[in-house]
C-alpha cells in the first residue's frame, strides 16, 4: 500500500505499527446527542441538513460548554419512533449522569441546558437509567469509520437494539472501529463485531474490557493511561473498583479496595505518522509508557 496514495487507511497503518490504544480517549465530560438520520457530511454539525443556523449555534455551544455534540441515528437509518431522540450526558468520574427526551423539532435541542448539566443539575431532559453505545460510522469524515464501524454497529444493533446508535465523529479515526459508552465516557477502539458484542456484554455486567479500552473521557490522557496500566497490573476489571484520588507530577493516585496506588507514566512522541485517512502530512504519535506502580504503606 502506498502510504501517500488514495488507498491509504489510517486504521490499518496504526495496527501495522503496533500503536497502543491506551490513553487516547478525547478529554470531554459533557455530551449532547441529537437524532438526525443523515446524511451527515464531513463536519456533521456544519454539513448535515439541519435547520438554518442550528449547526453553527451547536458548534458555538460545544465550544462554550467544552462539550462534544454528536448527531446520531439507528443502524437502519430510519427515525426512532415519533419525534427526534436526544440525550445529554455528563461523564462525571464518580457519578455519571444521562438524560433523554424526544423533540418535535430539531431547534428544540437549544432548550437543553448544558450549563446546568455541567454544574450538577439537570439539562431539562428526563433522567435515563441505561447506557448508550455510540459507534462512530461517519465515513464522510474518515473512510475507516464507515468501513470498520458499520459492521460493528450492525452487530450491536442486533444484540442490543435499544442501546446502540451510530454517531458522528468521536475522535481517534485510526483506532476504528470506535465506540463510546455513555454516560461513563468510556472509549473503546479497534473493535470488530465479535469484540464489540463482548465489550457491550461486559459493560452491562459492570466490567471493563482492558484489551480495547482507550480510556475515560472524564480524565486527561495521561491519567487514562495510568488507570489502565494499574488495572492491568492488578487484573482489576470492575468498572467502579478503581477510583482516582489525585493527580501527581507525571501520574495519578488511585484507591483500590481501600489501598492507595501511585502510578507514574511518561508520554513520548518519538514517531510520526498520518493520523487520519485524509491527513496531508505526518504528525507526532503520542504513546504512554509505564514508569512505576507503587502501593502506599
Protein backbone atom coordinates (compact mmCIF):
# COMPACT_ATOMS: atom_id res chain seq x y z
CA UNK A 1 0.00 0.00 0.00
CA UNK A 2 1.37 3.39 -0.98
CA UNK A 3 1.38 5.38 2.31
CA UNK A 4 0.63 8.58 0.40
CA UNK A 5 -1.81 7.13 -2.12
CA UNK A 6 -5.61 7.15 -2.30
CA UNK A 7 -5.84 3.65 -0.83
CA UNK A 8 -4.25 4.66 2.47
CA UNK A 9 -6.20 3.60 5.56
CA UNK A 10 -5.18 5.11 8.87
CA UNK A 11 -6.59 2.25 10.97
CA UNK A 12 -4.60 -0.38 9.08
CA UNK A 13 -1.44 1.73 9.30
CA UNK A 14 -1.92 2.22 13.05
CA UNK A 15 -2.31 -1.52 13.54
CA UNK A 16 0.77 -2.27 11.45
CA UNK A 17 2.95 -0.01 13.58
CA UNK A 18 1.54 -1.70 16.71
CA UNK A 19 0.23 1.56 18.15
CA UNK A 20 -1.39 1.16 21.55
CA UNK A 21 -4.95 2.41 22.06
CA UNK A 22 -4.24 3.05 25.75
CA UNK A 23 -4.75 6.62 26.96
CA UNK A 24 -6.18 8.00 23.72
CA UNK A 25 -9.77 8.98 24.59
CA UNK A 26 -10.85 12.53 23.86
CA UNK A 27 -10.91 14.51 27.12
CA UNK A 28 -14.53 15.67 27.42
CA UNK A 29 -17.22 15.30 30.07
CA UNK A 30 -20.29 17.00 28.59
CA UNK A 31 -22.15 15.26 25.76
CA UNK A 32 -25.20 16.09 23.67
CA UNK A 33 -26.63 13.64 21.11
CA UNK A 34 -29.27 14.67 18.57
CA UNK A 35 -31.02 12.23 16.25
CA UNK A 36 -30.55 13.03 12.56
CA UNK A 37 -30.89 10.18 10.07
CA UNK A 38 -28.44 11.82 7.66
CA UNK A 39 -26.55 12.35 5.51
CA UNK A 40 -24.04 13.94 7.88
CA UNK A 41 -21.16 15.07 5.68
CA UNK A 42 -17.56 15.58 6.77
CA UNK A 43 -18.20 18.01 9.64
CA UNK A 44 -21.60 16.83 10.83
CA UNK A 45 -22.88 19.97 12.57
CA UNK A 46 -21.73 22.11 9.65
CA UNK A 47 -22.58 19.84 6.71
CA UNK A 48 -25.73 17.96 7.76
CA UNK A 49 -29.11 19.28 6.58
CA UNK A 50 -30.07 20.92 9.84
CA UNK A 51 -32.33 23.99 10.03
CA UNK A 52 -30.55 27.20 9.06
CA UNK A 53 -28.19 28.38 11.77
CA UNK A 54 -28.70 25.39 14.07
CA UNK A 55 -25.42 23.70 13.29
CA UNK A 56 -23.43 26.89 13.83
CA UNK A 57 -25.16 27.54 17.15
CA UNK A 58 -24.50 23.97 18.29
CA UNK A 59 -20.83 24.41 17.38
CA UNK A 60 -20.75 27.59 19.44
CA UNK A 61 -22.33 25.86 22.42
CA UNK A 62 -19.95 22.94 22.11
CA UNK A 63 -17.06 25.38 22.48
CA UNK A 64 -18.78 27.32 25.29
CA UNK A 65 -19.51 24.24 27.39
CA UNK A 66 -16.45 22.18 26.37
CA UNK A 67 -18.94 19.63 25.08
CA UNK A 68 -18.98 17.04 22.35
CA UNK A 69 -22.18 17.36 20.32
CA UNK A 70 -22.92 14.44 18.02
CA UNK A 71 -25.56 13.51 15.50
CA UNK A 72 -26.96 10.01 15.98
CA UNK A 73 -29.12 7.54 14.07
CA UNK A 74 -30.18 3.94 14.27
CA UNK A 75 -28.32 1.42 12.09
CA UNK A 76 -31.40 1.23 9.85
CA UNK A 77 -31.13 5.00 9.15
CA UNK A 78 -34.85 5.29 9.86
CA UNK A 79 -36.40 7.53 12.55
CA UNK A 80 -36.56 6.01 16.01
CA UNK A 81 -40.29 6.43 16.57
CA UNK A 82 -42.16 9.71 16.94
CA UNK A 83 -40.06 12.82 17.31
CA UNK A 84 -36.29 13.09 17.49
CA UNK A 85 -34.37 11.31 20.24
CA UNK A 86 -31.99 13.47 22.23
CA UNK A 87 -29.57 12.53 25.01
CA UNK A 88 -27.48 14.67 27.34
CA UNK A 89 -24.74 13.07 29.40
CA UNK A 90 -22.19 14.20 31.94
CA UNK A 91 -19.30 11.77 32.31
CA UNK A 92 -18.58 12.58 35.94
CA UNK A 93 -15.82 10.25 37.21
CA UNK A 94 -17.83 9.30 40.29
CA UNK A 95 -21.48 9.83 39.34
CA UNK A 96 -22.01 9.82 35.56
CA UNK A 97 -25.46 11.06 34.55
CA UNK A 98 -27.59 10.51 31.46
CA UNK A 99 -30.84 12.24 30.48
CA UNK A 100 -33.07 11.71 27.45
CA UNK A 101 -36.12 13.05 25.67
CA UNK A 102 -37.91 13.46 22.34
CA UNK A 103 -38.18 16.64 20.29
CA UNK A 104 -40.82 17.61 17.77
CA UNK A 105 -38.43 19.99 16.03
CA UNK A 106 -34.60 19.84 15.95
CA UNK A 107 -34.43 23.51 17.03
CA UNK A 108 -35.78 22.45 20.42
CA UNK A 109 -32.36 20.96 21.17
CA UNK A 110 -31.29 24.52 22.01
CA UNK A 111 -33.50 24.28 25.10
CA UNK A 112 -31.24 21.58 26.54
CA UNK A 113 -29.29 23.31 29.31
CA UNK A 114 -25.73 22.06 29.11
CA UNK A 115 -24.55 24.65 31.61
CA UNK A 116 -26.88 23.30 34.28
CA UNK A 117 -25.85 19.73 33.46
CA UNK A 118 -22.17 20.60 33.91
CA UNK A 119 -22.93 22.33 37.22
CA UNK A 120 -24.56 19.20 38.66
CA UNK A 121 -28.17 19.96 37.77
CA UNK A 122 -30.49 18.76 35.06
CA UNK A 123 -30.36 19.63 31.38
CA UNK A 124 -34.14 19.78 31.36
CA UNK A 125 -34.48 16.29 29.94
CA UNK A 126 -35.62 13.21 31.88
CA UNK A 127 -33.19 11.03 33.84
CA UNK A 128 -32.37 7.91 31.81
CA UNK A 129 -31.39 4.71 33.60
CA UNK A 130 -29.37 2.93 30.99
CA UNK A 131 -26.35 3.05 28.72
CA UNK A 132 -25.85 4.32 25.18
CA UNK A 133 -23.43 2.56 22.83
CA UNK A 134 -22.15 5.21 20.40
CA UNK A 135 -20.48 3.63 17.36
CA UNK A 136 -18.66 6.06 15.08
CA UNK A 137 -19.63 5.37 11.46
CA UNK A 138 -19.09 8.76 9.77
CA UNK A 139 -17.39 7.67 6.57
CA UNK A 140 -17.53 11.16 5.06
CA UNK A 141 -15.22 12.25 7.87
CA UNK A 142 -12.91 9.22 7.62
CA UNK A 143 -13.24 6.11 5.49
CA UNK A 144 -12.11 3.82 8.32
CA UNK A 145 -15.02 4.91 10.49
CA UNK A 146 -17.56 3.57 8.00
CA UNK A 147 -15.62 0.54 6.76
CA UNK A 148 -14.93 -0.73 10.25
CA UNK A 149 -17.70 0.97 12.20
CA UNK A 150 -20.73 -0.11 10.20
CA UNK A 151 -20.21 -3.87 10.74
CA UNK A 152 -19.82 -3.21 14.46
CA UNK A 153 -22.97 -1.08 14.54
CA UNK A 154 -24.87 -3.82 12.71
CA UNK A 155 -23.78 -6.49 15.18
CA UNK A 156 -24.56 -4.35 18.22
CA UNK A 157 -27.90 -3.28 16.78
CA UNK A 158 -28.88 -6.94 16.56
CA UNK A 159 -27.69 -7.75 20.08
CA UNK A 160 -28.56 -4.50 21.89
CA UNK A 161 -31.01 -2.55 19.71
CA UNK A 162 -32.15 -0.14 22.41
CA UNK A 163 -28.67 0.94 23.46
CA UNK A 164 -26.98 1.10 20.05
CA UNK A 165 -26.63 4.23 17.92
CA UNK A 166 -24.44 5.20 15.01
CA UNK A 167 -22.81 8.56 15.75
CA UNK A 168 -20.75 11.21 14.01
CA UNK A 169 -17.05 11.78 14.72
CA UNK A 170 -15.83 10.85 18.23
CA UNK A 171 -12.06 11.18 17.65
CA UNK A 172 -9.25 8.73 17.02
CA UNK A 173 -10.16 7.59 13.49
CA UNK A 174 -7.06 5.37 13.35
CA UNK A 175 -8.49 3.21 16.15
CA UNK A 176 -11.67 2.35 14.21
CA UNK A 177 -13.99 0.79 14.90
CA UNK A 178 -14.57 3.12 17.84
CA UNK A 179 -17.35 3.03 20.41
CA UNK A 180 -18.08 5.39 23.29
CA UNK A 181 -20.24 4.13 26.15
CA UNK A 182 -22.27 6.86 27.84
CA UNK A 183 -22.78 8.18 30.44
CA UNK A 184 -19.44 6.80 31.66
CA UNK A 185 -17.48 8.27 28.76
CA UNK A 186 -15.65 5.01 28.12
CA UNK A 187 -13.85 4.93 24.77
CA UNK A 188 -13.18 1.56 23.14
CA UNK A 189 -11.18 1.08 19.95
CA UNK A 190 -10.11 -1.49 17.36
CA UNK A 191 -13.42 -3.29 17.68
CA UNK A 192 -14.74 -5.89 15.30
CA UNK A 193 -18.27 -7.30 15.58
CA UNK A 194 -17.29 -10.13 17.92
CA UNK A 195 -15.21 -7.89 20.20
CA UNK A 196 -17.96 -5.27 20.27
CA UNK A 197 -20.53 -7.79 21.48
CA UNK A 198 -18.11 -8.88 24.19
CA UNK A 199 -17.35 -5.30 25.28
CA UNK A 200 -21.06 -4.44 25.43
CA UNK A 201 -21.86 -7.52 27.46
CA UNK A 202 -19.01 -6.83 29.85
CA UNK A 203 -20.14 -3.25 30.34
CA UNK A 204 -23.71 -4.25 31.11
CA UNK A 205 -22.36 -6.58 33.80
CA UNK A 206 -20.18 -3.83 35.30
CA UNK A 207 -16.88 -4.93 33.78
CA UNK A 208 -14.31 -3.25 31.52
CA UNK A 209 -12.55 -4.83 28.55
CA UNK A 210 -8.93 -3.79 29.10
CA UNK A 211 -7.74 -5.01 25.69
CA UNK A 212 -9.88 -2.48 23.79
CA UNK A 213 -10.29 0.29 26.37
CA UNK A 214 -8.85 3.59 25.14
CA UNK A 215 -9.68 5.44 28.34
CA UNK A 216 -12.22 7.51 30.24
CA UNK A 217 -13.14 10.78 28.57
CA UNK A 218 -13.56 12.36 32.02
CA UNK A 219 -9.78 12.38 32.55
CA UNK A 220 -6.70 13.72 30.69
CA UNK A 221 -4.97 11.16 28.52
CA UNK A 222 -2.04 10.51 30.87
CA UNK A 223 -4.47 9.77 33.73
CA UNK A 224 -6.47 7.48 31.43
CA UNK A 225 -3.27 5.57 30.72
CA UNK A 226 -2.34 5.41 34.40
CA UNK A 227 -5.70 3.83 35.30
CA UNK A 228 -5.43 1.21 32.58
CA UNK A 229 -1.84 0.37 33.49
CA UNK A 230 -2.90 -0.11 37.12
CA UNK A 231 -5.91 -2.21 36.17
CA UNK A 232 -3.72 -4.47 34.06
CA UNK A 233 -1.18 -4.75 36.88
CA UNK A 234 -3.90 -5.78 39.38
CA UNK A 235 -6.13 -7.69 36.96
CA UNK A 236 -8.99 -5.42 38.06
CA UNK A 237 -11.81 -5.11 35.53
CA UNK A 238 -14.72 -3.98 37.72
CA UNK A 239 -15.79 -0.59 36.38
CA UNK A 240 -16.18 1.10 39.78
CA UNK A 241 -13.29 -0.60 41.61
CA UNK A 242 -10.54 1.91 40.72
CA UNK A 243 -11.16 5.45 41.94
CA UNK A 244 -8.97 8.43 41.12
CA UNK A 245 -7.99 10.23 44.34
CA UNK A 246 -5.49 12.72 42.97
CA UNK A 247 -3.12 13.71 40.22
CA UNK A 248 0.61 13.76 40.80
CA UNK A 249 3.59 15.01 38.82
CA UNK A 250 3.83 12.54 35.98
CA UNK A 251 0.94 10.38 37.04
CA UNK A 252 -2.02 9.79 39.32
CA UNK A 253 -3.08 8.17 42.57
CA UNK A 254 -5.96 5.68 42.79
CA UNK A 255 -7.89 3.93 45.53
CA UNK A 256 -8.49 0.21 45.04
CA UNK A 257 -10.29 -1.66 47.82
CA UNK A 258 -9.03 0.81 50.43
CA UNK A 259 -5.41 0.78 49.28
CA UNK A 260 -3.78 3.75 47.52
CA UNK A 261 -1.59 3.21 44.48
CA UNK A 262 0.67 5.75 42.82
CA UNK A 263 1.12 5.28 39.09
CA UNK A 264 3.82 7.13 37.18
CA UNK A 265 3.61 7.37 33.39
CA UNK A 266 5.68 9.02 30.70
CA UNK A 267 4.24 10.32 27.43
CA UNK A 268 6.56 10.21 24.43
CA UNK A 269 6.23 11.33 20.83
CA UNK A 270 9.12 9.52 19.20
CA UNK A 271 7.39 8.62 15.94
CA UNK A 272 5.33 10.45 13.34
CA UNK A 273 2.58 9.17 11.06
CA UNK A 274 -0.57 10.17 9.20
CA UNK A 275 -3.19 10.01 11.93
CA UNK A 276 -6.28 10.10 9.69
CA UNK A 277 -7.06 8.89 6.19
CA UNK A 278 -7.32 12.49 4.94
CA UNK A 279 -4.20 13.81 6.68
CA UNK A 280 -1.87 15.57 4.29
CA UNK A 281 1.25 15.14 6.42
CA UNK A 282 2.72 13.20 9.30
CA UNK A 283 2.15 14.27 12.90
CA UNK A 284 3.69 13.12 16.19
CA UNK A 285 2.14 9.94 17.58
CA UNK A 286 1.74 10.16 21.38
CA UNK A 287 2.41 7.00 23.37
CA UNK A 288 2.25 6.36 27.11
CA UNK A 289 4.84 4.29 28.94
CA UNK A 290 4.51 2.88 32.44
CA UNK A 291 7.29 4.13 34.73
CA UNK A 292 6.18 2.63 38.04
CA UNK A 293 3.30 1.36 40.17
CA UNK A 294 3.69 1.57 43.94
CA UNK A 295 1.36 0.87 46.82
CA UNK A 296 1.48 3.28 49.70
CA UNK A 297 2.30 1.66 53.03
